[in-house]
Amino acid sequence: MDTNKRPIFLVHGLWNNPRLFEKLVKKIKEDDYELFIPHLPHRYGHTSLSRLAIDLDSRIQELVSPEIEIDIVGFSMGGLISRYWLQNCNGFLRTKRFFSIGSPHFGTFTAQMIPSFLMPGIAEMKRGSKFLSKLNNDLSSLQKVECISFFTKWDLMSFPGWQAKLSIGKSYHLPVLTHKELITNSSSLDILAEKIFNDT
């Protein structure tokens, strides 16, 4: 392991678990990096994103000393969990880079019909939700972090796909057609691995 490299946290999304990142990790020499892939049980969308962000904060504090700077990568809903941690749990104070992959930063119409009382975690991803409005109305803390977004305009899970990116930082349109392919397609994974695991 190269101890000069920042630890990297990989945060999975809805209906996912840490195995989501197996193909991405296979693209690198795992021993060269300090990777953490916490399991955040979302109970199929019953757990709120803020609660999951607090759980993420606990995992990060348990695994890495507070003086150590990290990078964080969030796929889909994992990108929103990571954002809440960055913006509302002071995560920005110890984060160098934030990568979001197919995350519905402005909401997704796919979640629009989900009632908040039934599945708050999914309902918080609705277009115009209070959760997202709070995140998007004040980007001051996020602006202190190097932000990189990856998306595909054809995404039907984070829909519309062309808005599944942050309004700040760099963004890259990946050459795939579906949400899942963002993190499973070989061409997409090559780009992700190059950007995430190459500290420039």
N, C-alpha and C. Protein backbone atom coordinates (compact mmCIF):
# COMPACT_ATOMS: atom_id res chain seq x y z
N MET A 1 0.84 -1.20 0.00
CA MET A 1 0.00 0.00 0.00
C MET A 1 0.88 1.25 0.00
N ASP A 2 0.53 2.21 -0.83
CA ASP A 2 1.25 3.49 -0.86
C ASP A 2 0.66 4.39 0.21
N THR A 3 1.41 4.57 1.29
CA THR A 3 0.89 5.34 2.41
C THR A 3 0.79 6.83 2.10
N ASN A 4 1.34 7.25 0.96
CA ASN A 4 1.25 8.66 0.57
C ASN A 4 -0.08 8.98 -0.10
N LYS A 5 -0.84 7.96 -0.45
CA LYS A 5 -2.12 8.17 -1.12
C LYS A 5 -3.23 8.35 -0.09
N ARG A 6 -4.18 9.23 -0.40
CA ARG A 6 -5.31 9.44 0.51
C ARG A 6 -6.21 8.21 0.54
N PRO A 7 -6.77 7.90 1.69
CA PRO A 7 -7.80 6.85 1.74
C PRO A 7 -8.99 7.25 0.86
N ILE A 8 -9.61 6.26 0.25
CA ILE A 8 -10.76 6.50 -0.62
C ILE A 8 -11.95 5.71 -0.09
N PHE A 9 -13.07 6.40 0.13
CA PHE A 9 -14.31 5.75 0.55
C PHE A 9 -15.23 5.62 -0.66
N LEU A 10 -15.76 4.43 -0.87
CA LEU A 10 -16.70 4.15 -1.95
C LEU A 10 -18.07 3.89 -1.32
N VAL A 11 -19.06 4.69 -1.74
CA VAL A 11 -20.39 4.65 -1.11
C VAL A 11 -21.42 4.15 -2.11
N HIS A 12 -22.02 3.02 -1.80
CA HIS A 12 -23.01 2.41 -2.70
C HIS A 12 -24.35 3.12 -2.63
N GLY A 13 -25.24 2.77 -3.55
CA GLY A 13 -26.54 3.40 -3.62
C GLY A 13 -27.68 2.47 -3.24
N LEU A 14 -28.87 2.82 -3.68
CA LEU A 14 -30.09 2.06 -3.38
C LEU A 14 -30.04 0.69 -4.05
N TRP A 15 -30.50 -0.33 -3.32
CA TRP A 15 -30.52 -1.72 -3.80
C TRP A 15 -29.13 -2.22 -4.14
N ASN A 16 -28.11 -1.59 -3.56
CA ASN A 16 -26.73 -2.02 -3.76
C ASN A 16 -26.11 -2.38 -2.42
N ASN A 17 -24.92 -2.92 -2.49
CA ASN A 17 -24.09 -3.18 -1.31
C ASN A 17 -22.63 -3.02 -1.75
N PRO A 18 -21.66 -3.23 -0.87
CA PRO A 18 -20.27 -3.00 -1.25
C PRO A 18 -19.79 -3.78 -2.47
N ARG A 19 -20.45 -4.89 -2.80
CA ARG A 19 -20.03 -5.67 -3.98
C ARG A 19 -20.19 -4.87 -5.27
N LEU A 20 -20.97 -3.81 -5.22
CA LEU A 20 -21.18 -2.96 -6.39
C LEU A 20 -19.85 -2.52 -7.02
N PHE A 21 -18.85 -2.30 -6.20
CA PHE A 21 -17.60 -1.72 -6.68
C PHE A 21 -16.54 -2.76 -7.05
N GLU A 22 -16.90 -4.03 -7.07
CA GLU A 22 -15.90 -5.07 -7.34
C GLU A 22 -15.23 -4.89 -8.70
N LYS A 23 -16.01 -4.60 -9.74
CA LYS A 23 -15.43 -4.46 -11.08
C LYS A 23 -14.52 -3.24 -11.16
N LEU A 24 -14.90 -2.17 -10.48
CA LEU A 24 -14.05 -0.98 -10.47
C LEU A 24 -12.73 -1.26 -9.77
N VAL A 25 -12.80 -1.95 -8.64
CA VAL A 25 -11.59 -2.24 -7.88
C VAL A 25 -10.66 -3.16 -8.66
N LYS A 26 -11.23 -4.05 -9.48
CA LYS A 26 -10.40 -4.95 -10.28
C LYS A 26 -9.60 -4.22 -11.35
N LYS A 27 -9.97 -2.98 -11.63
CA LYS A 27 -9.25 -2.19 -12.63
C LYS A 27 -7.93 -1.64 -12.11
N ILE A 28 -7.69 -1.76 -10.81
CA ILE A 28 -6.49 -1.19 -10.21
C ILE A 28 -5.73 -2.26 -9.44
N LYS A 29 -4.55 -1.92 -8.98
CA LYS A 29 -3.83 -2.77 -8.04
C LYS A 29 -4.30 -2.37 -6.65
N GLU A 30 -5.17 -3.19 -6.10
CA GLU A 30 -5.85 -2.83 -4.85
C GLU A 30 -4.88 -2.54 -3.73
N ASP A 31 -3.75 -3.22 -3.73
CA ASP A 31 -2.78 -3.03 -2.65
C ASP A 31 -2.11 -1.66 -2.70
N ASP A 32 -2.27 -0.94 -3.81
CA ASP A 32 -1.68 0.39 -3.94
C ASP A 32 -2.53 1.47 -3.29
N TYR A 33 -3.73 1.11 -2.84
CA TYR A 33 -4.65 2.11 -2.31
C TYR A 33 -5.25 1.64 -0.99
N GLU A 34 -5.63 2.60 -0.19
CA GLU A 34 -6.36 2.30 1.04
C GLU A 34 -7.83 2.56 0.77
N LEU A 35 -8.55 1.48 0.50
CA LEU A 35 -9.96 1.58 0.11
C LEU A 35 -10.86 1.15 1.27
N PHE A 36 -11.96 1.89 1.42
CA PHE A 36 -12.98 1.54 2.40
C PHE A 36 -14.33 1.56 1.69
N ILE A 37 -15.08 0.47 1.84
CA ILE A 37 -16.37 0.35 1.17
C ILE A 37 -17.41 -0.03 2.23
N PRO A 38 -17.88 0.94 3.00
CA PRO A 38 -18.81 0.63 4.09
C PRO A 38 -20.17 0.17 3.58
N HIS A 39 -20.77 -0.73 4.32
CA HIS A 39 -22.14 -1.16 4.02
C HIS A 39 -23.10 -0.25 4.75
N LEU A 40 -24.00 0.40 4.03
CA LEU A 40 -24.99 1.30 4.62
C LEU A 40 -26.38 0.73 4.34
N PRO A 41 -26.93 -0.06 5.26
CA PRO A 41 -28.24 -0.68 5.04
C PRO A 41 -29.35 0.37 4.90
N HIS A 42 -29.94 0.44 3.75
CA HIS A 42 -30.96 1.47 3.48
C HIS A 42 -32.38 0.93 3.62
N ARG A 43 -32.50 -0.37 3.86
CA ARG A 43 -33.82 -1.01 4.03
C ARG A 43 -34.75 -0.69 2.86
N TYR A 44 -34.22 -0.86 1.65
CA TYR A 44 -35.00 -0.68 0.42
C TYR A 44 -35.63 0.71 0.31
N GLY A 45 -34.94 1.70 0.88
CA GLY A 45 -35.44 3.07 0.77
C GLY A 45 -36.21 3.55 1.98
N HIS A 46 -36.35 2.71 3.00
CA HIS A 46 -37.07 3.13 4.21
C HIS A 46 -36.24 4.04 5.10
N THR A 47 -34.91 3.96 4.98
CA THR A 47 -34.03 4.78 5.81
C THR A 47 -33.75 6.10 5.11
N SER A 48 -33.88 7.20 5.83
CA SER A 48 -33.66 8.52 5.22
C SER A 48 -32.19 8.68 4.84
N LEU A 49 -31.95 9.54 3.86
CA LEU A 49 -30.59 9.78 3.41
C LEU A 49 -29.76 10.49 4.48
N SER A 50 -30.40 11.34 5.25
CA SER A 50 -29.67 12.02 6.33
C SER A 50 -29.22 11.01 7.38
N ARG A 51 -30.06 10.03 7.70
CA ARG A 51 -29.69 8.98 8.64
C ARG A 51 -28.52 8.16 8.10
N LEU A 52 -28.55 7.85 6.81
CA LEU A 52 -27.46 7.10 6.19
C LEU A 52 -26.17 7.91 6.18
N ALA A 53 -26.28 9.23 6.01
CA ALA A 53 -25.10 10.09 6.04
C ALA A 53 -24.47 10.10 7.44
N ILE A 54 -25.31 10.09 8.45
CA ILE A 54 -24.81 10.03 9.83
C ILE A 54 -24.12 8.68 10.08
N ASP A 55 -24.71 7.61 9.52
CA ASP A 55 -24.07 6.29 9.62
C ASP A 55 -22.72 6.30 8.91
N LEU A 56 -22.67 6.95 7.74
CA LEU A 56 -21.41 7.07 7.00
C LEU A 56 -20.38 7.83 7.83
N ASP A 57 -20.81 8.89 8.46
CA ASP A 57 -19.90 9.68 9.30
C ASP A 57 -19.29 8.81 10.40
N SER A 58 -20.11 7.98 11.01
CA SER A 58 -19.62 7.08 12.07
C SER A 58 -18.59 6.11 11.52
N ARG A 59 -18.85 5.56 10.33
CA ARG A 59 -17.90 4.61 9.71
C ARG A 59 -16.57 5.29 9.42
N ILE A 60 -16.64 6.50 8.87
CA ILE A 60 -15.42 7.22 8.52
C ILE A 60 -14.60 7.52 9.77
N GLN A 61 -15.29 7.96 10.82
CA GLN A 61 -14.58 8.28 12.06
C GLN A 61 -13.96 7.03 12.69
N GLU A 62 -14.63 5.89 12.53
CA GLU A 62 -14.10 4.64 13.08
C GLU A 62 -12.87 4.17 12.32
N LEU A 63 -12.85 4.41 11.02
CA LEU A 63 -11.85 3.79 10.15
C LEU A 63 -10.62 4.64 9.89
N VAL A 64 -10.78 5.97 9.92
CA VAL A 64 -9.68 6.86 9.56
C VAL A 64 -9.58 7.98 10.58
N SER A 65 -8.38 8.24 11.04
CA SER A 65 -8.16 9.31 12.03
C SER A 65 -8.62 10.66 11.48
N PRO A 66 -9.18 11.52 12.31
CA PRO A 66 -9.78 12.77 11.84
C PRO A 66 -8.82 13.73 11.16
N GLU A 67 -7.53 13.60 11.42
CA GLU A 67 -6.57 14.51 10.79
C GLU A 67 -6.19 14.07 9.38
N ILE A 68 -6.63 12.89 8.96
CA ILE A 68 -6.27 12.36 7.65
C ILE A 68 -7.30 12.79 6.60
N GLU A 69 -6.83 13.38 5.53
CA GLU A 69 -7.70 13.82 4.43
C GLU A 69 -8.08 12.62 3.57
N ILE A 70 -9.31 12.62 3.06
CA ILE A 70 -9.81 11.49 2.28
C ILE A 70 -10.40 11.97 0.95
N ASP A 71 -10.66 10.99 0.08
CA ASP A 71 -11.49 11.18 -1.11
C ASP A 71 -12.75 10.35 -0.90
N ILE A 72 -13.85 10.77 -1.51
CA ILE A 72 -15.09 10.00 -1.38
C ILE A 72 -15.76 9.86 -2.73
N VAL A 73 -16.27 8.66 -3.00
CA VAL A 73 -16.92 8.33 -4.27
C VAL A 73 -18.32 7.82 -3.96
N GLY A 74 -19.33 8.40 -4.59
CA GLY A 74 -20.70 7.95 -4.36
C GLY A 74 -21.38 7.58 -5.66
N PHE A 75 -21.96 6.38 -5.69
CA PHE A 75 -22.73 5.95 -6.87
C PHE A 75 -24.21 6.15 -6.61
N SER A 76 -24.89 6.82 -7.54
CA SER A 76 -26.34 7.00 -7.49
C SER A 76 -26.75 7.64 -6.17
N MET A 77 -27.61 7.00 -5.40
CA MET A 77 -28.03 7.53 -4.11
C MET A 77 -26.83 7.74 -3.18
N GLY A 78 -25.79 6.94 -3.37
CA GLY A 78 -24.59 7.09 -2.56
C GLY A 78 -23.93 8.45 -2.74
N GLY A 79 -24.12 9.06 -3.91
CA GLY A 79 -23.61 10.40 -4.13
C GLY A 79 -24.34 11.43 -3.30
N LEU A 80 -25.64 11.23 -3.09
CA LEU A 80 -26.42 12.16 -2.26
C LEU A 80 -26.11 11.96 -0.78
N ILE A 81 -25.92 10.71 -0.38
CA ILE A 81 -25.52 10.44 1.01
C ILE A 81 -24.17 11.12 1.28
N SER A 82 -23.26 10.98 0.33
CA SER A 82 -21.94 11.60 0.47
C SER A 82 -22.05 13.12 0.52
N ARG A 83 -22.92 13.69 -0.31
CA ARG A 83 -23.12 15.14 -0.31
C ARG A 83 -23.63 15.63 1.03
N TYR A 84 -24.60 14.94 1.58
CA TYR A 84 -25.13 15.35 2.88
C TYR A 84 -24.04 15.30 3.93
N TRP A 85 -23.23 14.25 3.88
CA TRP A 85 -22.11 14.15 4.84
C TRP A 85 -21.14 15.31 4.64
N LEU A 86 -20.82 15.64 3.41
CA LEU A 86 -19.90 16.73 3.12
C LEU A 86 -20.45 18.07 3.60
N GLN A 87 -21.73 18.32 3.31
CA GLN A 87 -22.32 19.64 3.53
C GLN A 87 -22.92 19.83 4.92
N ASN A 88 -23.35 18.74 5.56
CA ASN A 88 -24.06 18.89 6.82
C ASN A 88 -23.41 18.16 8.00
N CYS A 89 -22.37 17.39 7.74
CA CYS A 89 -21.64 16.73 8.83
C CYS A 89 -20.19 17.18 8.84
N ASN A 90 -19.92 18.32 8.22
CA ASN A 90 -18.57 18.90 8.16
C ASN A 90 -17.57 18.00 7.44
N GLY A 91 -18.07 17.13 6.58
CA GLY A 91 -17.17 16.26 5.82
C GLY A 91 -16.22 17.03 4.91
N PHE A 92 -16.66 18.20 4.47
CA PHE A 92 -15.83 19.01 3.57
C PHE A 92 -14.51 19.41 4.22
N LEU A 93 -14.46 19.43 5.54
CA LEU A 93 -13.26 19.86 6.24
C LEU A 93 -12.11 18.86 6.10
N ARG A 94 -12.45 17.61 5.73
CA ARG A 94 -11.40 16.59 5.64
C ARG A 94 -11.40 15.87 4.30
N THR A 95 -12.06 16.45 3.30
CA THR A 95 -12.17 15.80 1.99
C THR A 95 -11.47 16.61 0.91
N LYS A 96 -10.63 15.95 0.15
CA LYS A 96 -9.94 16.58 -0.98
C LYS A 96 -10.80 16.52 -2.23
N ARG A 97 -11.31 15.31 -2.56
CA ARG A 97 -12.05 15.13 -3.82
C ARG A 97 -13.35 14.37 -3.57
N PHE A 98 -14.40 14.79 -4.27
CA PHE A 98 -15.71 14.12 -4.22
C PHE A 98 -16.11 13.75 -5.64
N PHE A 99 -16.30 12.45 -5.87
CA PHE A 99 -16.74 11.94 -7.16
C PHE A 99 -18.18 11.43 -7.03
N SER A 100 -19.06 11.90 -7.89
CA SER A 100 -20.42 11.34 -7.91
C SER A 100 -20.63 10.68 -9.26
N ILE A 101 -21.29 9.52 -9.23
CA ILE A 101 -21.52 8.73 -10.43
C ILE A 101 -23.02 8.50 -10.59
N GLY A 102 -23.63 9.14 -11.57
CA GLY A 102 -25.06 8.94 -11.82
C GLY A 102 -25.94 9.32 -10.65
N SER A 103 -25.58 10.36 -9.92
CA SER A 103 -26.37 10.77 -8.75
C SER A 103 -27.39 11.83 -9.11
N PRO A 104 -28.63 11.69 -8.67
CA PRO A 104 -29.69 12.65 -9.03
C PRO A 104 -29.63 13.92 -8.18
N HIS A 105 -28.64 14.76 -8.45
CA HIS A 105 -28.43 15.96 -7.63
C HIS A 105 -29.58 16.95 -7.69
N PHE A 106 -30.39 16.86 -8.73
CA PHE A 106 -31.57 17.72 -8.84
C PHE A 106 -32.86 16.90 -8.79
N GLY A 107 -32.72 15.68 -8.31
CA GLY A 107 -33.87 14.80 -8.21
C GLY A 107 -34.07 13.95 -9.44
N THR A 108 -34.91 12.93 -9.28
CA THR A 108 -35.23 12.06 -10.39
C THR A 108 -36.74 11.85 -10.47
N PHE A 109 -37.28 11.95 -11.66
CA PHE A 109 -38.71 11.72 -11.85
C PHE A 109 -39.09 10.29 -11.50
N THR A 110 -38.10 9.39 -11.49
CA THR A 110 -38.36 7.99 -11.16
C THR A 110 -38.89 7.84 -9.73
N ALA A 111 -38.53 8.78 -8.86
CA ALA A 111 -38.95 8.72 -7.46
C ALA A 111 -40.21 9.53 -7.18
N GLN A 112 -40.75 10.18 -8.20
CA GLN A 112 -41.77 11.21 -7.97
C GLN A 112 -43.05 10.70 -7.31
N MET A 113 -43.40 9.46 -7.56
CA MET A 113 -44.67 8.93 -7.04
C MET A 113 -44.51 8.18 -5.72
N ILE A 114 -43.31 8.14 -5.18
CA ILE A 114 -43.07 7.40 -3.94
C ILE A 114 -43.49 8.25 -2.74
N PRO A 115 -44.41 7.78 -1.88
CA PRO A 115 -44.85 8.57 -0.72
C PRO A 115 -43.76 8.65 0.35
N SER A 116 -43.62 9.83 0.93
CA SER A 116 -42.57 10.06 1.93
C SER A 116 -42.75 9.20 3.17
N PHE A 117 -44.00 8.97 3.59
CA PHE A 117 -44.22 8.20 4.82
C PHE A 117 -43.85 6.74 4.65
N LEU A 118 -43.84 6.26 3.40
CA LEU A 118 -43.57 4.84 3.13
C LEU A 118 -42.08 4.58 2.93
N MET A 119 -41.45 5.37 2.07
CA MET A 119 -40.03 5.19 1.75
C MET A 119 -39.35 6.55 1.70
N PRO A 120 -39.03 7.12 2.86
CA PRO A 120 -38.45 8.47 2.90
C PRO A 120 -37.12 8.58 2.16
N GLY A 121 -36.32 7.52 2.19
CA GLY A 121 -35.04 7.57 1.51
C GLY A 121 -35.18 7.76 0.01
N ILE A 122 -36.18 7.12 -0.58
CA ILE A 122 -36.43 7.29 -2.01
C ILE A 122 -37.13 8.62 -2.26
N ALA A 123 -38.10 8.96 -1.42
CA ALA A 123 -38.85 10.20 -1.61
C ALA A 123 -37.96 11.43 -1.53
N GLU A 124 -36.88 11.36 -0.78
CA GLU A 124 -35.95 12.50 -0.70
C GLU A 124 -35.23 12.75 -2.02
N MET A 125 -35.33 11.81 -2.94
CA MET A 125 -34.73 11.99 -4.26
C MET A 125 -35.71 12.54 -5.29
N LYS A 126 -36.91 12.91 -4.85
CA LYS A 126 -37.88 13.51 -5.76
C LYS A 126 -37.38 14.87 -6.25
N ARG A 127 -37.82 15.25 -7.42
CA ARG A 127 -37.57 16.59 -7.92
C ARG A 127 -38.22 17.60 -6.97
N GLY A 128 -37.44 18.58 -6.52
CA GLY A 128 -37.98 19.61 -5.65
C GLY A 128 -38.15 19.22 -4.20
N SER A 129 -37.56 18.09 -3.79
CA SER A 129 -37.71 17.67 -2.39
C SER A 129 -37.00 18.65 -1.46
N LYS A 130 -37.46 18.71 -0.21
CA LYS A 130 -36.83 19.58 0.77
C LYS A 130 -35.37 19.18 0.99
N PHE A 131 -35.12 17.89 0.97
CA PHE A 131 -33.77 17.38 1.16
C PHE A 131 -32.82 17.95 0.11
N LEU A 132 -33.21 17.84 -1.17
CA LEU A 132 -32.35 18.32 -2.25
C LEU A 132 -32.29 19.84 -2.31
N SER A 133 -33.40 20.48 -2.01
CA SER A 133 -33.41 21.95 -2.01
C SER A 133 -32.42 22.49 -0.99
N LYS A 134 -32.37 21.85 0.18
CA LYS A 134 -31.43 22.28 1.21
C LYS A 134 -29.99 22.12 0.73
N LEU A 135 -29.69 21.02 0.07
CA LEU A 135 -28.34 20.79 -0.42
C LEU A 135 -27.97 21.78 -1.53
N ASN A 136 -28.90 22.04 -2.42
CA ASN A 136 -28.60 22.85 -3.60
C ASN A 136 -28.67 24.36 -3.35
N ASN A 137 -29.31 24.76 -2.27
CA ASN A 137 -29.44 26.20 -1.99
C ASN A 137 -28.19 26.81 -1.37
N ASP A 138 -27.29 25.98 -0.86
CA ASP A 138 -26.07 26.49 -0.26
C ASP A 138 -24.91 25.55 -0.60
N LEU A 139 -24.11 25.94 -1.57
CA LEU A 139 -22.99 25.11 -2.02
C LEU A 139 -21.66 25.59 -1.45
N SER A 140 -21.69 26.47 -0.47
CA SER A 140 -20.47 27.10 0.02
C SER A 140 -19.46 26.08 0.55
N SER A 141 -19.94 25.09 1.30
CA SER A 141 -19.02 24.09 1.83
C SER A 141 -18.53 23.16 0.72
N LEU A 142 -19.41 22.83 -0.22
CA LEU A 142 -19.04 21.93 -1.31
C LEU A 142 -18.00 22.57 -2.22
N GLN A 143 -18.02 23.88 -2.31
CA GLN A 143 -17.06 24.59 -3.16
C GLN A 143 -15.63 24.50 -2.63
N LYS A 144 -15.46 24.04 -1.41
CA LYS A 144 -14.13 23.87 -0.82
C LYS A 144 -13.53 22.51 -1.17
N VAL A 145 -14.31 21.69 -1.91
CA VAL A 145 -13.89 20.34 -2.28
C VAL A 145 -13.78 20.27 -3.80
N GLU A 146 -12.81 19.50 -4.29
CA GLU A 146 -12.72 19.26 -5.74
C GLU A 146 -13.81 18.27 -6.14
N CYS A 147 -14.78 18.74 -6.93
CA CYS A 147 -15.94 17.91 -7.29
C CYS A 147 -15.86 17.45 -8.74
N ILE A 148 -16.13 16.17 -8.95
CA ILE A 148 -16.14 15.59 -10.29
C ILE A 148 -17.39 14.73 -10.43
N SER A 149 -18.15 14.96 -11.49
CA SER A 149 -19.39 14.20 -11.72
C SER A 149 -19.26 13.36 -12.99
N PHE A 150 -19.83 12.16 -12.92
CA PHE A 150 -19.92 11.27 -14.08
C PHE A 150 -21.40 10.96 -14.31
N PHE A 151 -21.83 10.98 -15.54
CA PHE A 151 -23.24 10.75 -15.83
C PHE A 151 -23.40 10.22 -17.25
N THR A 152 -24.58 9.72 -17.56
CA THR A 152 -24.98 9.44 -18.93
C THR A 152 -26.33 10.09 -19.17
N LYS A 153 -26.46 10.77 -20.26
CA LYS A 153 -27.71 11.49 -20.54
C LYS A 153 -28.88 10.55 -20.79
N TRP A 154 -28.60 9.26 -20.98
CA TRP A 154 -29.66 8.29 -21.24
C TRP A 154 -30.20 7.65 -19.96
N ASP A 155 -29.70 8.06 -18.83
CA ASP A 155 -30.04 7.45 -17.54
C ASP A 155 -31.53 7.57 -17.25
N LEU A 156 -32.18 6.44 -16.98
CA LEU A 156 -33.61 6.44 -16.65
C LEU A 156 -33.86 6.24 -15.16
N MET A 157 -32.82 6.00 -14.39
CA MET A 157 -32.97 5.92 -12.93
C MET A 157 -32.76 7.30 -12.31
N SER A 158 -31.65 7.94 -12.66
CA SER A 158 -31.44 9.34 -12.30
C SER A 158 -31.89 10.17 -13.49
N PHE A 159 -33.20 10.36 -13.58
CA PHE A 159 -33.81 10.94 -14.78
C PHE A 159 -34.34 12.35 -14.52
N PRO A 160 -33.97 13.32 -15.36
CA PRO A 160 -33.22 13.20 -16.61
C PRO A 160 -31.73 13.04 -16.39
N GLY A 161 -31.15 12.14 -17.15
CA GLY A 161 -29.75 11.79 -16.96
C GLY A 161 -28.79 12.94 -17.16
N TRP A 162 -29.14 13.88 -18.04
CA TRP A 162 -28.22 14.99 -18.30
C TRP A 162 -28.13 15.96 -17.13
N GLN A 163 -29.01 15.79 -16.14
CA GLN A 163 -28.92 16.61 -14.94
C GLN A 163 -28.34 15.83 -13.75
N ALA A 164 -27.90 14.62 -13.98
CA ALA A 164 -27.35 13.79 -12.89
C ALA A 164 -25.88 14.16 -12.66
N LYS A 165 -25.65 15.42 -12.43
CA LYS A 165 -24.30 15.92 -12.19
C LYS A 165 -24.41 17.18 -11.34
N LEU A 166 -23.32 17.50 -10.66
CA LEU A 166 -23.29 18.70 -9.83
C LEU A 166 -23.24 19.95 -10.70
N SER A 167 -23.70 21.05 -10.13
CA SER A 167 -23.65 22.32 -10.86
C SER A 167 -22.28 22.99 -10.71
N ILE A 168 -21.39 22.39 -9.95
CA ILE A 168 -20.03 22.90 -9.80
C ILE A 168 -19.05 21.79 -10.10
N GLY A 169 -17.82 22.15 -10.43
CA GLY A 169 -16.79 21.17 -10.70
C GLY A 169 -16.86 20.61 -12.11
N LYS A 170 -15.97 19.68 -12.39
CA LYS A 170 -15.90 19.05 -13.70
C LYS A 170 -16.97 17.97 -13.83
N SER A 171 -17.39 17.71 -15.05
CA SER A 171 -18.33 16.62 -15.29
C SER A 171 -17.95 15.89 -16.57
N TYR A 172 -18.22 14.60 -16.59
CA TYR A 172 -17.86 13.75 -17.72
C TYR A 172 -19.07 12.89 -18.11
N HIS A 173 -19.42 12.96 -19.40
CA HIS A 173 -20.49 12.10 -19.92
C HIS A 173 -19.87 10.77 -20.32
N LEU A 174 -20.31 9.69 -19.68
CA LEU A 174 -19.74 8.37 -19.96
C LEU A 174 -20.48 7.71 -21.12
N PRO A 175 -19.76 6.93 -21.94
CA PRO A 175 -20.32 6.37 -23.18
C PRO A 175 -21.14 5.10 -22.95
N VAL A 176 -22.18 5.19 -22.12
CA VAL A 176 -23.05 4.05 -21.84
C VAL A 176 -24.51 4.49 -21.92
N LEU A 177 -25.41 3.51 -21.94
CA LEU A 177 -26.83 3.81 -22.15
C LEU A 177 -27.67 3.70 -20.89
N THR A 178 -27.20 2.97 -19.90
CA THR A 178 -28.04 2.73 -18.72
C THR A 178 -27.34 3.14 -17.44
N HIS A 179 -28.14 3.30 -16.40
CA HIS A 179 -27.64 3.67 -15.07
C HIS A 179 -26.64 2.63 -14.56
N LYS A 180 -27.00 1.38 -14.65
CA LYS A 180 -26.14 0.32 -14.13
C LYS A 180 -24.81 0.25 -14.85
N GLU A 181 -24.83 0.53 -16.16
CA GLU A 181 -23.59 0.44 -16.94
C GLU A 181 -22.57 1.50 -16.52
N LEU A 182 -23.01 2.54 -15.85
CA LEU A 182 -22.06 3.54 -15.36
C LEU A 182 -20.99 2.91 -14.48
N ILE A 183 -21.36 1.85 -13.76
CA ILE A 183 -20.46 1.23 -12.80
C ILE A 183 -20.12 -0.22 -13.17
N THR A 184 -20.61 -0.70 -14.34
CA THR A 184 -20.33 -2.08 -14.75
C THR A 184 -19.70 -2.20 -16.13
N ASN A 185 -19.95 -1.23 -17.00
CA ASN A 185 -19.42 -1.30 -18.36
C ASN A 185 -17.92 -1.07 -18.37
N SER A 186 -17.19 -1.86 -19.13
CA SER A 186 -15.73 -1.79 -19.13
C SER A 186 -15.21 -0.43 -19.57
N SER A 187 -15.82 0.16 -20.59
CA SER A 187 -15.37 1.47 -21.06
C SER A 187 -15.59 2.54 -20.00
N SER A 188 -16.73 2.47 -19.34
CA SER A 188 -17.03 3.41 -18.25
C SER A 188 -16.05 3.22 -17.10
N LEU A 189 -15.79 1.97 -16.75
CA LEU A 189 -14.89 1.67 -15.63
C LEU A 189 -13.47 2.14 -15.91
N ASP A 190 -13.04 2.06 -17.16
CA ASP A 190 -11.70 2.54 -17.51
C ASP A 190 -11.58 4.04 -17.21
N ILE A 191 -12.61 4.79 -17.57
CA ILE A 191 -12.60 6.24 -17.33
C ILE A 191 -12.65 6.53 -15.84
N LEU A 192 -13.53 5.84 -15.12
CA LEU A 192 -13.64 6.05 -13.68
C LEU A 192 -12.32 5.74 -12.98
N ALA A 193 -11.72 4.62 -13.33
CA ALA A 193 -10.47 4.23 -12.68
C ALA A 193 -9.38 5.25 -12.94
N GLU A 194 -9.32 5.75 -14.16
CA GLU A 194 -8.29 6.74 -14.50
C GLU A 194 -8.46 8.02 -13.69
N LYS A 195 -9.70 8.48 -13.55
CA LYS A 195 -9.95 9.75 -12.86
C LYS A 195 -9.87 9.61 -11.34
N ILE A 196 -10.43 8.55 -10.81
CA ILE A 196 -10.51 8.39 -9.36
C ILE A 196 -9.17 7.99 -8.75
N PHE A 197 -8.46 7.11 -9.44
CA PHE A 197 -7.23 6.57 -8.85
C PHE A 197 -5.97 7.21 -9.41
N ASN A 198 -6.13 8.35 -10.05
CA ASN A 198 -4.98 9.10 -10.53
C ASN A 198 -5.04 10.48 -9.90
N ASP A 199 -4.29 10.69 -8.84
CA ASP A 199 -4.33 11.94 -8.10
C ASP A 199 -3.52 13.00 -8.83
N THR A 200 -4.21 13.92 -9.50
CA THR A 200 -3.52 14.94 -10.28
C THR A 200 -3.48 16.26 -9.54
